[in-house]
């Protein structure tokens, strides 16, 4: 079995190399020097609310480090992940909507940005929640086989109140102390930066936190210290530890050539229908989070399901103190990284992401995207959002007040999706229904 797995991975690596050579020449296989090849740090939280941070409107949680990150970079108001966790991760990794990248069941033949950026001379690491190998140790679908040189974390979620770790492909213990995870992942990320990476090569580091998913926990240092209860404690502990990670970037002299992106996988787990039932989770499990002005939360096709906080910083390249309302999404990371680092995106499959380099740099305030596809439920085009009558969402996310009709919202004036305009604009409904179908049917 192991020999077959190694042979499969060798064949996949050879195919990627040949594709890169044919598409762009040998120069794409060599790391570029200077400002054109930034280090990349992705900080990805779990189930964090759009309104949890001070810079996104929270009056409860104290998040000075994230607020400063927003001052140092650009804060995006119309950024999208996906509405649940596994699909959100496969979309980020592949630049493909989950209808194609398959979410929790992401196949081994999907191509990740880590595989491609490695071919451009980068070293890569993934720390934290993986969640695209069906939460099982399927070697050919784990991080090392999907382009990451180093991995430490958990293959799934903490729904049962515990997590099991892997370091690379090997089991590495477990814990039921959910309050230890933010610092643990941060410590591992700092250790990677200080001790594991090659200082002579650029890096791509993907830190995917388990918090604030399902059974949250804060360390003794933070528990009971916030004005927002246990959830507030967790948000503020995340803020503190993210500050530690950013300080490490500075101490190592990496600040000016590191692209930092913070976002989250989906909206907060705040639906009463779920919190009442607990769905087998311990009674002590806490589900909340602030969706801000958005409707509903995790799993929903309404905005709070997939619209996420996002901040990007690259001193001297990304404008500081800017707020952008351009449509931007995790699926755009792969094409954007391709432009910044010198690799080519796959040409043998649909890549739904677009290159948003000009948006990041502020040379095109509108960005390269004016549509977003809501997991088969609907589509946004400019200010207009269409939702199909039948919503394919998890049971816990169903809005009990929603009727089975098509919906149309003007997000420029109704961010909370309170007024259905479908009857007033039937032509727009027809137009967006056709657009949704076209996106879904791409191969």
Protein backbone atom coordinates (compact mmCIF):
# COMPACT_ATOMS: atom_id res chain seq x y z
CA UNK A 1 0.00 0.00 0.00
CA UNK A 2 2.75 2.44 0.92
CA UNK A 3 4.67 1.74 -2.32
CA UNK A 4 1.51 2.34 -4.33
CA UNK A 5 0.85 5.62 -2.49
CA UNK A 6 4.42 6.81 -3.07
CA UNK A 7 4.16 5.90 -6.74
CA UNK A 8 0.88 7.80 -7.06
CA UNK A 9 2.39 10.87 -5.41
CA UNK A 10 5.49 10.68 -7.63
CA UNK A 11 3.28 10.50 -10.71
CA UNK A 12 1.22 13.46 -9.51
CA UNK A 13 4.36 15.50 -8.84
CA UNK A 14 5.75 14.67 -12.30
CA UNK A 15 2.47 15.69 -13.94
CA UNK A 16 2.45 19.01 -12.07
CA UNK A 17 6.05 19.67 -13.07
CA UNK A 18 5.41 18.92 -16.75
CA UNK A 19 2.28 21.09 -16.71
CA UNK A 20 4.26 23.97 -15.24
CA UNK A 21 7.03 23.61 -17.80
CA UNK A 22 4.62 23.48 -20.74
CA UNK A 23 2.51 26.38 -19.48
CA UNK A 24 5.18 28.81 -18.50
CA UNK A 25 8.72 27.58 -18.99
CA UNK A 26 11.51 26.55 -16.65
CA UNK A 27 11.57 29.94 -14.98
CA UNK A 28 8.39 29.03 -13.09
CA UNK A 29 10.24 26.25 -11.32
CA UNK A 30 12.75 28.57 -9.71
CA UNK A 31 12.01 30.78 -6.72
CA UNK A 32 11.94 34.44 -7.62
CA UNK A 33 13.89 36.92 -5.54
CA UNK A 34 12.81 40.34 -4.37
CA UNK A 35 9.38 41.86 -3.86
CA UNK A 36 7.79 39.72 -6.55
CA UNK A 37 7.98 36.59 -4.39
CA UNK A 38 6.50 37.44 -1.01
CA UNK A 39 6.23 35.11 1.91
CA UNK A 40 2.57 34.23 2.44
CA UNK A 41 0.87 33.76 5.83
CA UNK A 42 -2.79 32.75 5.87
CA UNK A 43 -4.53 32.90 9.26
CA UNK A 44 -7.85 31.05 9.03
CA UNK A 45 -10.27 30.84 11.95
CA UNK A 46 -13.29 28.57 12.32
CA UNK A 47 -16.90 29.74 12.71
CA UNK A 48 -15.90 33.27 13.63
CA UNK A 49 -18.60 35.91 13.28
CA UNK A 50 -18.38 38.77 10.82
CA UNK A 51 -18.88 41.20 13.68
CA UNK A 52 -16.56 39.62 16.27
CA UNK A 53 -13.63 42.02 15.84
CA UNK A 54 -13.47 45.63 16.89
CA UNK A 55 -12.55 46.71 13.36
CA UNK A 56 -15.74 45.01 12.12
CA UNK A 57 -17.96 46.73 14.64
CA UNK A 58 -17.74 44.74 17.87
CA UNK A 59 -18.38 46.90 20.92
CA UNK A 60 -17.78 43.95 23.26
CA UNK A 61 -14.61 42.14 22.23
CA UNK A 62 -11.25 43.83 22.61
CA UNK A 63 -9.13 42.97 19.57
CA UNK A 64 -6.28 45.50 19.44
CA UNK A 65 -3.94 43.37 17.35
CA UNK A 66 -6.50 42.61 14.66
CA UNK A 67 -7.63 46.22 14.68
CA UNK A 68 -4.01 47.28 14.15
CA UNK A 69 -3.65 44.76 11.34
CA UNK A 70 -6.62 46.45 9.65
CA UNK A 71 -4.95 49.85 10.10
CA UNK A 72 -1.74 48.50 8.59
CA UNK A 73 -3.50 46.93 5.62
CA UNK A 74 -6.85 46.69 3.84
CA UNK A 75 -10.09 45.50 5.42
CA UNK A 76 -12.56 43.87 3.04
CA UNK A 77 -16.28 44.15 3.71
CA UNK A 78 -17.57 41.94 0.89
CA UNK A 79 -15.30 38.95 1.21
CA UNK A 80 -16.62 35.39 0.85
CA UNK A 81 -15.55 31.98 2.08
CA UNK A 82 -18.14 29.15 1.96
CA UNK A 83 -21.01 28.44 4.31
CA UNK A 84 -19.57 25.35 6.06
CA UNK A 85 -16.08 24.24 7.07
CA UNK A 86 -14.86 21.35 4.87
CA UNK A 87 -16.14 22.93 1.65
CA UNK A 88 -14.59 26.23 2.71
CA UNK A 89 -11.18 24.61 3.05
CA UNK A 90 -11.27 22.77 -0.27
CA UNK A 91 -12.30 26.02 -1.97
CA UNK A 92 -9.40 27.94 -0.40
CA UNK A 93 -6.88 25.25 -1.28
CA UNK A 94 -7.96 24.69 -4.89
CA UNK A 95 -9.51 27.93 -6.13
CA UNK A 96 -12.64 25.94 -6.99
CA UNK A 97 -16.18 26.09 -5.68
CA UNK A 98 -17.04 23.05 -3.51
CA UNK A 99 -19.37 21.66 -6.18
CA UNK A 100 -16.10 20.88 -7.95
CA UNK A 101 -13.51 20.54 -5.16
CA UNK A 102 -15.84 18.30 -3.07
CA UNK A 103 -15.33 19.76 0.40
CA UNK A 104 -14.71 17.17 3.13
CA UNK A 105 -14.26 14.56 0.40
CA UNK A 106 -11.68 16.47 -1.65
CA UNK A 107 -10.10 13.88 -3.99
CA UNK A 108 -6.37 13.28 -4.13
CA UNK A 109 -6.26 14.52 -7.72
CA UNK A 110 -7.40 18.01 -6.78
CA UNK A 111 -4.47 20.42 -7.15
CA UNK A 112 -3.80 22.83 -4.28
CA UNK A 113 -2.01 26.15 -4.28
CA UNK A 114 0.58 24.52 -2.00
CA UNK A 115 1.52 22.00 -4.69
CA UNK A 116 1.88 24.70 -7.30
CA UNK A 117 3.73 27.21 -5.16
CA UNK A 118 6.17 24.46 -4.18
CA UNK A 119 7.00 24.10 -7.86
CA UNK A 120 7.78 27.83 -7.83
CA UNK A 121 10.46 27.29 -5.19
CA UNK A 122 8.46 27.90 -2.03
CA UNK A 123 8.58 25.92 1.19
CA UNK A 124 5.14 25.19 2.60
CA UNK A 125 3.56 24.37 5.95
CA UNK A 126 0.05 23.73 7.23
CA UNK A 127 -0.79 23.96 10.91
CA UNK A 128 -4.21 23.29 12.41
CA UNK A 129 -7.49 21.97 11.06
CA UNK A 130 -7.29 20.16 7.69
CA UNK A 131 -10.83 18.79 7.22
CA UNK A 132 -10.73 17.73 3.56
CA UNK A 133 -9.81 14.04 3.92
CA UNK A 134 -13.15 13.03 5.44
CA UNK A 135 -11.50 13.55 8.85
CA UNK A 136 -9.52 10.35 8.35
CA UNK A 137 -5.80 9.61 7.89
CA UNK A 138 -6.03 8.91 4.17
CA UNK A 139 -2.38 9.44 3.28
CA UNK A 140 -2.84 10.52 -0.33
CA UNK A 141 -5.36 13.16 0.76
CA UNK A 142 -3.45 14.52 3.77
CA UNK A 143 -1.37 17.72 3.72
CA UNK A 144 2.00 16.15 2.85
CA UNK A 145 0.48 14.63 -0.29
CA UNK A 146 -1.29 17.88 -1.15
CA UNK A 147 1.78 20.10 -1.35
CA UNK A 148 2.68 20.92 2.26
CA UNK A 149 6.23 20.07 3.34
CA UNK A 150 5.28 20.16 7.02
CA UNK A 151 2.01 19.56 8.84
CA UNK A 152 0.86 19.61 12.43
CA UNK A 153 -2.77 19.61 13.42
CA UNK A 154 -6.04 17.74 13.42
CA UNK A 155 -7.67 16.15 10.40
CA UNK A 156 -11.17 17.08 11.53
CA UNK A 157 -13.25 19.13 13.92
CA UNK A 158 -13.69 19.06 17.68
CA UNK A 159 -17.38 18.15 17.68
CA UNK A 160 -16.89 15.45 20.31
CA UNK A 161 -14.89 17.65 22.65
CA UNK A 162 -11.48 16.31 21.67
CA UNK A 163 -9.02 16.41 18.80
CA UNK A 164 -6.41 13.96 17.55
CA UNK A 165 -3.22 15.38 16.15
CA UNK A 166 -1.00 14.35 13.29
CA UNK A 167 2.52 15.55 12.63
CA UNK A 168 3.08 15.03 8.95
CA UNK A 169 1.54 11.58 8.35
CA UNK A 170 2.06 10.22 11.86
CA UNK A 171 -0.35 10.23 14.80
CA UNK A 172 0.86 12.72 17.41
CA UNK A 173 -1.43 12.40 20.42
CA UNK A 174 -4.71 14.02 21.34
CA UNK A 175 -6.29 16.44 23.79
CA UNK A 176 -9.64 17.30 25.32
CA UNK A 177 -8.39 20.71 26.41
CA UNK A 178 -9.96 22.95 23.81
CA UNK A 179 -8.60 25.99 25.63
CA UNK A 180 -5.06 24.97 24.71
CA UNK A 181 -5.47 24.95 20.93
CA UNK A 182 -5.06 28.60 19.98
CA UNK A 183 -1.71 28.85 21.75
CA UNK A 184 -0.63 25.40 20.60
CA UNK A 185 -1.16 26.17 16.92
CA UNK A 186 0.43 29.58 17.33
CA UNK A 187 3.46 28.05 19.08
CA UNK A 188 3.82 25.56 16.24
CA UNK A 189 3.60 28.32 13.65
CA UNK A 190 6.22 30.38 15.50
CA UNK A 191 8.47 27.33 15.80
CA UNK A 192 8.16 26.79 12.05
CA UNK A 193 9.19 30.36 11.33
CA UNK A 194 12.07 30.34 13.80
CA UNK A 195 13.45 26.83 13.46
CA UNK A 196 12.02 24.75 10.62
CA UNK A 197 12.00 26.89 7.49
CA UNK A 198 14.97 27.61 5.26
CA UNK A 199 15.69 31.35 5.59
CA UNK A 200 16.99 31.38 2.02
CA UNK A 201 13.64 30.42 0.50
CA UNK A 202 10.22 32.10 0.56
CA UNK A 203 7.49 30.33 2.52
CA UNK A 204 3.73 29.82 2.41
CA UNK A 205 2.33 29.12 5.90
CA UNK A 206 -1.34 28.20 6.33
CA UNK A 207 -2.52 28.38 9.97
CA UNK A 208 -6.06 27.02 10.31
CA UNK A 209 -7.40 27.36 13.85
CA UNK A 210 -9.94 25.00 15.43
CA UNK A 211 -11.43 27.89 17.38
CA UNK A 212 -14.13 29.15 17.44
CA UNK A 213 -15.77 25.90 16.35
CA UNK A 214 -18.46 24.16 18.38
CA UNK A 215 -16.91 23.31 21.74
CA UNK A 216 -14.93 26.41 22.48
CA UNK A 217 -12.43 26.84 25.26
CA UNK A 218 -10.05 29.48 26.55
CA UNK A 219 -6.82 29.02 28.47
CA UNK A 220 -6.71 29.94 32.20
CA UNK A 221 -4.96 33.20 31.30
CA UNK A 222 -7.97 34.38 29.30
CA UNK A 223 -10.93 32.49 30.71
CA UNK A 224 -13.35 34.87 32.43
CA UNK A 225 -11.46 38.01 31.44
CA UNK A 226 -13.61 39.44 28.64
CA UNK A 227 -16.94 41.23 28.60
CA UNK A 228 -18.24 38.72 26.06
CA UNK A 229 -18.40 35.56 28.13
CA UNK A 230 -16.50 32.44 27.11
CA UNK A 231 -16.81 33.25 23.42
CA UNK A 232 -15.36 36.70 24.04
CA UNK A 233 -12.50 35.10 25.97
CA UNK A 234 -11.73 32.94 22.93
CA UNK A 235 -11.87 35.86 20.49
CA UNK A 236 -9.53 37.89 22.66
CA UNK A 237 -7.13 34.97 23.14
CA UNK A 238 -7.02 34.54 19.37
CA UNK A 239 -6.25 38.25 19.02
CA UNK A 240 -3.40 38.03 21.53
CA UNK A 241 -1.81 34.96 19.97
CA UNK A 242 -2.13 36.32 16.46
CA UNK A 243 -0.21 39.30 17.77
CA UNK A 244 2.54 36.93 18.92
CA UNK A 245 2.71 35.43 15.45
CA UNK A 246 2.86 38.83 13.79
CA UNK A 247 5.55 39.94 16.24
CA UNK A 248 7.61 36.93 15.20
CA UNK A 249 7.32 37.99 11.57
CA UNK A 250 8.68 41.40 12.59
CA UNK A 251 11.46 40.02 14.80
CA UNK A 252 12.71 37.86 11.94
CA UNK A 253 12.82 40.85 9.60
CA UNK A 254 10.08 39.42 7.39
CA UNK A 255 7.41 42.10 7.72
CA UNK A 256 8.07 44.04 4.53
CA UNK A 257 8.03 41.00 2.27
CA UNK A 258 5.24 38.98 3.84
CA UNK A 259 1.66 38.99 2.61
CA UNK A 260 -0.54 38.36 5.66
CA UNK A 261 -4.16 37.36 5.06
CA UNK A 262 -6.63 36.83 7.88
CA UNK A 263 -10.11 35.44 7.32
CA UNK A 264 -12.46 32.71 8.53
CA UNK A 265 -14.17 29.68 7.01
CA UNK A 266 -17.83 30.62 7.44
CA UNK A 267 -20.19 32.52 9.68
CA UNK A 268 -20.87 31.96 13.38
CA UNK A 269 -22.69 28.89 14.65
CA UNK A 270 -25.54 30.92 16.07
CA UNK A 271 -28.78 29.35 14.89
CA UNK A 272 -31.29 28.66 17.71
CA UNK A 273 -32.51 25.52 15.94
CA UNK A 274 -29.08 24.00 16.40
CA UNK A 275 -28.23 25.28 19.84
CA UNK A 276 -31.51 23.95 21.19
CA UNK A 277 -30.89 20.42 19.91
CA UNK A 278 -27.12 20.23 20.50
CA UNK A 279 -27.02 17.40 17.97
CA UNK A 280 -25.21 15.07 20.34
CA UNK A 281 -22.73 17.65 21.58
CA UNK A 282 -22.06 18.05 25.31
CA UNK A 283 -24.42 20.32 27.20
CA UNK A 284 -21.48 22.59 27.97
CA UNK A 285 -20.79 23.27 24.30
CA UNK A 286 -21.28 26.89 23.33
CA UNK A 287 -22.49 28.14 19.96
CA UNK A 288 -22.52 31.84 19.36
CA UNK A 289 -20.76 34.62 17.55
CA UNK A 290 -21.70 38.02 16.21
CA UNK A 291 -22.90 38.13 12.62
CA UNK A 292 -23.00 41.93 12.77
CA UNK A 293 -25.51 43.34 10.27
CA UNK A 294 -25.75 40.06 8.35
CA UNK A 295 -28.63 37.59 8.36
CA UNK A 296 -28.36 34.14 9.98
CA UNK A 297 -25.06 32.28 10.38
CA UNK A 298 -23.06 29.16 9.57
CA UNK A 299 -24.59 26.86 6.98
CA UNK A 300 -27.02 29.46 5.73
CA UNK A 301 -27.23 30.73 2.18
CA UNK A 302 -27.91 34.19 3.60
CA UNK A 303 -24.94 36.53 3.92
CA UNK A 304 -23.84 35.52 7.43
CA UNK A 305 -23.28 32.00 6.18
CA UNK A 306 -20.41 32.80 3.84
CA UNK A 307 -19.53 36.49 4.03
CA UNK A 308 -16.45 36.72 6.21
CA UNK A 309 -14.15 39.24 7.78
CA UNK A 310 -10.90 39.54 5.83
CA UNK A 311 -7.80 41.68 6.32
CA UNK A 312 -4.73 41.72 4.07
CA UNK A 313 -1.38 43.36 4.86
CA UNK A 314 1.79 43.74 2.82
CA UNK A 315 3.62 46.94 3.77
CA UNK A 316 4.39 49.16 0.82
CA UNK A 317 2.27 47.07 -1.56
CA UNK A 318 -1.22 46.85 -0.03
CA UNK A 319 -2.59 50.27 0.95
CA UNK A 320 -2.81 50.84 4.69
CA UNK A 321 -5.98 52.00 6.40
CA UNK A 322 -8.14 51.19 3.38
CA UNK A 323 -11.62 49.66 3.46
CA UNK A 324 -12.73 47.88 0.28
CA UNK A 325 -16.25 46.83 -0.69
CA UNK A 326 -15.11 44.94 -3.79
CA UNK A 327 -16.25 41.32 -4.04
CA UNK A 328 -13.34 39.07 -3.09
CA UNK A 329 -13.22 35.40 -2.06
CA UNK A 330 -10.98 32.59 -0.82
CA UNK A 331 -11.23 30.96 -4.25
CA UNK A 332 -9.26 33.96 -5.53
CA UNK A 333 -6.20 33.12 -3.45
CA UNK A 334 -4.74 30.57 -5.88
CA UNK A 335 -4.80 32.79 -9.02
CA UNK A 336 -3.57 35.76 -7.00
CA UNK A 337 -0.70 33.77 -5.50
CA UNK A 338 0.11 32.53 -9.00
CA UNK A 339 0.60 36.09 -10.22
CA UNK A 340 2.63 37.09 -7.16
CA UNK A 341 4.94 34.07 -7.07
CA UNK A 342 5.33 32.81 -10.62
CA UNK A 343 3.36 29.58 -10.87
CA UNK A 344 0.62 28.81 -13.38
CA UNK A 345 -2.88 27.70 -12.42
CA UNK A 346 -4.14 24.39 -13.84
CA UNK A 347 -5.62 24.48 -17.33
CA UNK A 348 -7.21 21.03 -17.26
CA UNK A 349 -10.08 22.01 -14.93
CA UNK A 350 -12.28 24.95 -14.02
CA UNK A 351 -10.62 27.43 -11.70
CA UNK A 352 -13.36 29.62 -10.27
CA UNK A 353 -11.00 32.08 -8.62
CA UNK A 354 -9.68 35.20 -10.31
CA UNK A 355 -6.44 37.12 -9.93
CA UNK A 356 -7.06 39.92 -7.42
CA UNK A 357 -3.54 41.37 -7.36
CA UNK A 358 -4.73 44.74 -8.64
CA UNK A 359 -7.44 44.85 -5.98
CA UNK A 360 -4.93 44.06 -3.26
CA UNK A 361 -2.49 46.70 -4.50
CA UNK A 362 -5.20 49.32 -4.89
CA UNK A 363 -4.68 49.85 -8.62
CA UNK A 364 -8.20 48.59 -9.37
CA UNK A 365 -10.69 49.37 -6.64
CA UNK A 366 -13.43 47.31 -8.29
CA UNK A 367 -11.39 44.12 -8.40
CA UNK A 368 -11.65 41.35 -10.96
CA UNK A 369 -14.84 39.74 -9.64
CA UNK A 370 -18.47 40.84 -9.74
CA UNK A 371 -20.12 37.49 -9.03
CA UNK A 372 -20.19 34.99 -6.21
CA UNK A 373 -21.88 31.55 -6.21
CA UNK A 374 -23.61 30.41 -3.03
CA UNK A 375 -23.01 26.63 -2.96
CA UNK A 376 -25.76 25.89 -5.47
CA UNK A 377 -28.30 28.01 -3.60
CA UNK A 378 -27.96 31.26 -5.46
CA UNK A 379 -25.65 33.85 -6.93
CA UNK A 380 -24.55 37.43 -6.37
CA UNK A 381 -23.94 39.72 -9.33
CA UNK A 382 -22.88 43.22 -8.39
CA UNK A 383 -25.32 44.53 -5.82
CA UNK A 384 -27.96 41.91 -6.61
CA UNK A 385 -28.32 38.58 -4.85
CA UNK A 386 -30.61 35.79 -6.04
CA UNK A 387 -31.58 32.74 -3.98
CA UNK A 388 -33.34 29.68 -5.35
CA UNK A 389 -36.57 28.46 -3.80
CA UNK A 390 -34.96 25.22 -2.61
CA UNK A 391 -32.01 25.91 -0.35
CA UNK A 392 -29.45 23.15 0.06
CA UNK A 393 -28.26 23.88 3.57
CA UNK A 394 -27.70 21.77 6.70
CA UNK A 395 -30.78 21.21 8.82
CA UNK A 396 -29.47 23.32 11.67
CA UNK A 397 -29.24 26.35 9.40
CA UNK A 398 -32.80 26.37 8.12
CA UNK A 399 -34.60 29.64 8.69
CA UNK A 400 -38.00 28.67 10.14
CA UNK A 401 -39.50 31.93 8.88
CA UNK A 402 -38.34 31.45 5.28
CA UNK A 403 -40.96 30.45 2.71
CA UNK A 404 -40.13 28.26 -0.30
CA UNK A 405 -39.97 31.06 -2.86
CA UNK A 406 -37.26 32.63 -4.96
CA UNK A 407 -35.59 35.62 -3.35
CA UNK A 408 -33.87 38.73 -4.65
CA UNK A 409 -32.04 41.28 -2.53
CA UNK A 410 -30.28 44.56 -3.18
CA UNK A 411 -27.24 44.17 -0.94
CA UNK A 412 -26.17 47.77 -1.45
CA UNK A 413 -29.19 48.99 0.52
CA UNK A 414 -30.29 45.84 2.36
CA UNK A 415 -27.25 44.03 3.72
CA UNK A 416 -29.48 42.22 6.23
CA UNK A 417 -31.63 40.68 3.45
CA UNK A 418 -34.90 41.86 4.94
CA UNK A 419 -36.86 42.80 1.79
CA UNK A 420 -37.42 40.26 -0.98
CA UNK A 421 -37.58 42.14 -4.31
CA UNK A 422 -38.22 39.13 -6.56
CA UNK A 423 -41.74 40.18 -7.53
CA UNK A 424 -40.64 43.72 -8.34
CA UNK A 425 -37.78 42.62 -10.62
CA UNK A 426 -38.76 39.40 -12.45
CA UNK A 427 -36.31 40.04 -15.30
CA UNK A 428 -33.43 40.26 -12.82
CA UNK A 429 -34.58 37.02 -11.21
CA UNK A 430 -34.56 35.26 -14.58
CA UNK A 431 -31.13 36.67 -15.41
CA UNK A 432 -29.54 35.56 -12.14
CA UNK A 433 -31.25 32.16 -12.15
CA UNK A 434 -29.64 31.50 -15.54
CA UNK A 435 -26.27 32.77 -14.29
CA UNK A 436 -26.42 30.46 -11.27
CA UNK A 437 -27.14 27.49 -13.52
CA UNK A 438 -24.27 28.41 -15.85
CA UNK A 439 -21.76 28.57 -13.00
CA UNK A 440 -22.97 25.29 -11.50
CA UNK A 441 -22.69 23.42 -14.80
CA UNK A 442 -19.07 24.33 -15.55
CA UNK A 443 -16.75 21.34 -15.55
